[in-house]
Amino acid sequence: GRLYVIIGRGTYSSAVLNAVRLKKETNASFVGEATGGEPNHYGEVKQFTLPNSEKPIRYSTKYFKWLDEDTNTLEPDMVIEETFAAYRAGVDPVTEWITKN
């Protein structure tokens, strides 16, 4: 069987890192839209609390470079746009395409 990985505008942060690893280590076909997050990005978030306001501050401690090129997104092999009309009709065009292929 084939392995399909669904990605889209809601794919960001660690999900992009997982997608990049699958792209590098498998023959999976990527279907959907471009990711919402960059393949190379900062992560490993830590936190401290400001002493007077007691507001939490979160900051990245590590840069993840998974691809040699700097690109804003990970592009799918088969682009299938998510539309409001499909959403309203209860249709999932990505899943339908995968089922037919």
Protein backbone atom coordinates (compact mmCIF):
# COMPACT_ATOMS: atom_id res chain seq x y z
CA GLY A 1 0.00 0.00 0.00
CA ARG A 2 0.91 3.62 -0.34
CA LEU A 3 1.62 6.02 2.49
CA TYR A 4 -0.05 9.42 2.24
CA VAL A 5 0.75 12.36 4.50
CA ILE A 6 -1.88 15.09 4.70
CA ILE A 7 -0.47 18.57 5.23
CA GLY A 8 -1.98 22.03 5.07
CA ARG A 9 -2.16 25.53 6.47
CA GLY A 10 -2.79 24.09 9.94
CA THR A 11 0.47 22.11 9.85
CA TYR A 12 3.08 24.01 11.82
CA SER A 13 5.64 23.68 14.62
CA SER A 14 6.45 20.07 15.50
CA ALA A 15 3.96 18.77 12.92
CA VAL A 16 6.14 20.31 10.17
CA LEU A 17 9.21 18.64 11.67
CA ASN A 18 7.39 15.28 11.59
CA ALA A 19 6.34 15.87 7.97
CA VAL A 20 9.89 16.75 6.93
CA ARG A 21 11.23 13.56 8.52
CA LEU A 22 8.59 11.49 6.75
CA LYS A 23 9.51 13.18 3.46
CA LYS A 24 13.20 12.38 3.98
CA GLU A 25 12.81 8.84 5.33
CA THR A 26 9.87 7.39 3.37
CA ASN A 27 8.39 7.33 -0.11
CA ALA A 28 5.18 8.92 1.17
CA SER A 29 3.07 11.13 -1.07
CA PHE A 30 2.22 14.49 0.47
CA VAL A 31 -1.30 15.70 -0.24
CA GLY A 32 -3.15 18.91 0.61
CA GLU A 33 -1.87 22.45 0.90
CA ALA A 34 1.45 24.04 1.77
CA THR A 35 2.24 23.94 5.47
CA GLY A 36 1.46 26.90 7.70
CA GLY A 37 4.87 26.66 9.34
CA GLU A 38 8.43 26.68 8.07
CA PRO A 39 10.44 23.44 7.88
CA ASN A 40 13.43 25.16 9.50
CA HIS A 41 12.43 27.02 12.65
CA TYR A 42 13.05 27.69 16.31
CA GLY A 43 11.55 25.45 18.99
CA GLU A 44 12.33 23.66 22.28
CA VAL A 45 10.31 26.22 24.21
CA LYS A 46 11.18 27.00 27.82
CA GLN A 47 9.41 29.32 30.23
CA PHE A 48 10.07 31.60 33.16
CA THR A 49 7.83 33.90 35.18
CA LEU A 50 8.42 37.62 35.61
CA PRO A 51 8.86 38.28 39.33
CA ASN A 52 6.67 41.40 39.70
CA SER A 53 3.82 40.78 37.26
CA GLU A 54 4.01 36.98 37.50
CA LYS A 55 3.46 36.87 33.73
CA PRO A 56 4.86 33.78 32.00
CA ILE A 57 7.48 34.35 29.30
CA ARG A 58 8.10 31.61 26.75
CA TYR A 59 11.20 31.51 24.56
CA SER A 60 12.81 29.19 22.04
CA THR A 61 16.13 27.56 22.85
CA LYS A 62 16.97 25.63 19.70
CA TYR A 63 16.97 26.09 15.91
CA PHE A 64 15.84 23.07 13.90
CA LYS A 65 17.35 22.98 10.40
CA TRP A 66 15.87 20.01 8.56
CA LEU A 67 16.23 21.24 4.98
CA ASP A 68 19.32 22.70 3.33
CA GLU A 69 17.28 25.38 1.60
CA ASP A 70 15.42 28.03 3.57
CA THR A 71 11.81 27.88 2.49
CA ASN A 72 8.66 29.28 4.09
CA THR A 73 6.63 26.10 3.62
CA LEU A 74 6.74 22.41 2.86
CA GLU A 75 4.85 21.92 -0.41
CA PRO A 76 2.69 18.87 -1.09
CA ASP A 77 3.25 16.58 -4.07
CA MET A 78 -0.46 16.88 -4.91
CA VAL A 79 -2.00 20.28 -4.17
CA ILE A 80 -5.66 20.06 -3.17
CA GLU A 81 -7.09 23.32 -1.86
CA GLU A 82 -9.43 23.37 1.11
CA THR A 83 -12.43 25.55 0.22
CA PHE A 84 -15.26 26.91 2.29
CA ALA A 85 -17.76 25.48 -0.18
CA ALA A 86 -16.38 21.98 0.38
CA TYR A 87 -16.36 22.53 4.15
CA ARG A 88 -19.96 23.74 4.09
CA ALA A 89 -20.99 20.72 2.02
CA GLY A 90 -19.23 18.36 4.43
CA VAL A 91 -16.81 17.25 1.73
CA ASP A 92 -13.15 16.48 2.43
CA PRO A 93 -11.46 16.79 -0.99
CA VAL A 94 -8.10 15.55 0.32
CA THR A 95 -9.50 12.34 1.77
CA GLU A 96 -11.63 11.81 -1.33
CA TRP A 97 -8.57 12.16 -3.58
CA ILE A 98 -6.57 9.72 -1.46
CA THR A 99 -9.43 7.19 -1.49
CA LYS A 100 -9.63 7.33 -5.29
CA ASN A 101 -5.88 7.01 -5.77
